[in-house]
Amino acid sequence: MNAQKMLYWFRRIAIAEGISFLVLLGIAMPLKYLAGVPMAVKLVGYVHGFLFIGFVALAWQTKEALNKSFIWFLGAFIASLLPFGTFVLDKQLKKEEAILK
């Protein structure tokens, strides 16, 4: 896959992962601990876990496709651990995507 397509798909999964993380923290966890609905965390947690694994895999592939450093990959990984981090990362990725076009 070429660098432009790789970056396109990485941006999409990064946003999806970020949204799933916010849903997990902001909706599913309060449902579990305040409303006694543990299934919410289980379901959203599975989706978020799947997206997180995809994020990390695509981050590595994007690093390789764009000839980025390991530090870039580490920054992307850290962004995925912070609420709203992938949205901040997306701003940078959007600029890089525009350069590749």
Protein backbone atom coordinates (compact mmCIF):
# COMPACT_ATOMS: atom_id res chain seq x y z
CA MET A 1 0.00 0.00 0.00
CA ASN A 2 1.38 3.41 -0.86
CA ALA A 3 2.12 6.07 1.75
CA GLN A 4 -0.90 8.22 0.91
CA LYS A 5 -3.39 5.36 1.32
CA MET A 6 -1.64 4.16 4.48
CA LEU A 7 -1.93 7.61 6.02
CA TYR A 8 -5.58 7.84 4.93
CA TRP A 9 -6.48 4.59 6.72
CA PHE A 10 -4.34 5.39 9.74
CA ARG A 11 -6.16 8.70 10.20
CA ARG A 12 -9.54 6.94 10.03
CA ILE A 13 -8.66 4.29 12.59
CA ALA A 14 -7.01 6.90 14.85
CA ILE A 15 -10.24 8.91 14.96
CA ALA A 16 -12.33 5.78 15.53
CA GLU A 17 -9.99 4.68 18.32
CA GLY A 18 -10.16 8.13 19.91
CA ILE A 19 -13.95 8.16 19.80
CA SER A 20 -14.16 4.66 21.27
CA PHE A 21 -11.81 5.69 24.08
CA LEU A 22 -13.97 8.70 24.93
CA VAL A 23 -17.14 6.58 24.83
CA LEU A 24 -15.46 4.06 27.13
CA LEU A 25 -14.37 6.72 29.61
CA GLY A 26 -17.33 9.08 29.37
CA ILE A 27 -20.30 6.78 28.88
CA ALA A 28 -19.52 3.11 29.51
CA MET A 29 -17.56 3.54 32.75
CA PRO A 30 -20.16 5.82 34.36
CA LEU A 31 -22.86 3.34 33.29
CA LYS A 32 -20.92 0.56 34.98
CA TYR A 33 -20.06 2.34 38.21
CA LEU A 34 -23.02 4.70 38.63
CA ALA A 35 -25.88 2.76 37.04
CA GLY A 36 -24.72 -0.82 37.64
CA VAL A 37 -24.52 -1.76 33.94
CA PRO A 38 -21.19 -3.63 33.59
CA MET A 39 -22.10 -4.88 30.10
CA ALA A 40 -21.50 -1.38 28.72
CA VAL A 41 -17.79 -1.53 29.59
CA LYS A 42 -17.53 -5.06 28.28
CA LEU A 43 -19.02 -4.21 24.87
CA VAL A 44 -17.32 -0.85 24.39
CA GLY A 45 -14.10 -2.30 25.80
CA TYR A 46 -14.03 -5.03 23.16
CA VAL A 47 -14.58 -2.52 20.36
CA HIS A 48 -12.00 -0.15 21.79
CA GLY A 49 -9.48 -2.97 22.23
CA PHE A 50 -9.91 -4.07 18.63
CA LEU A 51 -9.49 -0.48 17.41
CA PHE A 52 -6.47 0.05 19.66
CA ILE A 53 -4.71 -3.00 18.23
CA GLY A 54 -5.51 -1.79 14.72
CA PHE A 55 -4.23 1.67 15.63
CA VAL A 56 -0.90 0.34 16.86
CA ALA A 57 -0.48 -1.95 13.83
CA LEU A 58 -1.33 0.82 11.37
CA ALA A 59 0.86 3.30 13.25
CA TRP A 60 3.82 0.97 12.73
CA GLN A 61 2.98 0.43 9.06
CA THR A 62 2.51 4.17 8.56
CA LYS A 63 5.85 4.80 10.25
CA GLU A 64 7.47 2.45 7.77
CA ALA A 65 5.59 3.81 4.73
CA LEU A 66 6.44 7.44 5.54
CA ASN A 67 9.99 6.70 6.74
CA LYS A 68 9.27 8.13 10.18
CA SER A 69 11.41 7.55 13.24
CA PHE A 70 10.65 5.33 16.20
CA ILE A 71 10.09 8.53 18.20
CA TRP A 72 7.22 9.39 15.82
CA PHE A 73 5.70 5.96 16.47
CA LEU A 74 6.17 6.39 20.21
CA GLY A 75 4.43 9.78 20.03
CA ALA A 76 1.50 8.26 18.16
CA PHE A 77 1.30 5.47 20.74
CA ILE A 78 1.30 7.94 23.62
CA ALA A 79 -1.39 9.99 21.85
CA SER A 80 -3.60 6.89 21.85
CA LEU A 81 -3.30 6.62 25.63
CA LEU A 82 -4.49 10.18 26.30
CA PRO A 83 -8.09 11.33 26.02
CA PHE A 84 -8.34 13.52 22.91
CA GLY A 85 -4.74 12.57 22.02
CA THR A 86 -5.63 11.01 18.68
CA PHE A 87 -7.53 14.16 17.70
CA VAL A 88 -4.41 16.26 18.32
CA LEU A 89 -2.40 13.69 16.35
CA ASP A 90 -4.93 13.87 13.52
CA LYS A 91 -4.25 17.58 13.08
CA GLN A 92 -0.59 16.78 12.34
CA LEU A 93 -1.50 13.82 10.14
CA LYS A 94 -3.92 15.93 8.12
CA LYS A 95 -1.09 18.34 7.25
CA GLU A 96 1.14 15.43 6.21
CA GLU A 97 -1.67 13.97 4.10
CA ALA A 98 -2.08 17.30 2.30
CA ILE A 99 1.64 17.33 1.49
CA LEU A 100 1.43 13.83 -0.02
CA LYS A 101 -1.44 14.76 -2.35
